[in-house]
Amino acid sequence: MKSTNKGRSASDKGSRASLLARLITWFDSYVELYTVDPLKVDRQLKGYEGTDIDQLWKSVRRDVEKINELPEGSEKIGKYVRNSSIARNISLLLTVATFGFLLFFLYFQSQLESLGGTIILIAAPGVVIAVMYAALMFNTISTRRLNKAMRAFYDENAQELRKQTSHMREATQQLIDKLQREIYSHNYDQDKFKFELYHSNYRNIVIVGNRRGRSVATVKPKVKSQTE
């Protein structure tokens, strides 16, 4: 039986190339200081332990942690994080309470009507749903404010993370080169392994479009020699 550390089976054709494409996008996000949860990368690398991809990730893992940890020392960011957490908990609590109330309302509808008339059948669900919607909007606004504050914080402290972002840029280029070799060695269609980038100045890539403010790229197609 083949070890998963040495690659994937034939039934997983192209899985390594797909993984490389995802990692390229995530690594480049760190170059731009848009952070990705490191645990997300860890989960993607399950089954690739000991491979060159795993070793590359381990070589920059501390850089990723440094980028993620920097905002923790900011009192302003801490305030936004707390507000966002409170809003999320309130939203979750009110969502559960709303569903509970609606079940109660449906079960005791006739009793409620006898107590308050038709008006209560119209007003009660409307009030509860309005409260839930307000909580959801509060959560959304709090999250947006946190994201905006994080963006501003990283912009202000970009110089402090120059070493880490430089490492992530180098690692991203290595992933692109690995993907190029993977596609060439298996004669894959490079268009099936597109990736998104904040930065378009990497080697061995071709920009084919734009999406959500990022460039969509593939690796350069293999140049056929005249003797082929």
Foldseek 3Di string as FASTA:
>chain_A
DDQLQVDDDPVCPCLLLQLLQAVLQQLQCVLLLNHDPVVVNVVSCVSNPPHPLNVLCVVLVVLNVCSVCVCVPPPVLVVLVVQLVVLVVVLVVLVVVLVVVVVVCVVCVVVVCVVPNPVCVVPVNVVSVVVSVVSVVSNVVSVVVSVVVSSVVCVVCVVVSVVSSVSSVVSSLVSLVVSVCSCVVVVHDQVVSKHWHLDDPHPQKDFDQDDPNTTIITGHDDDDDPVD
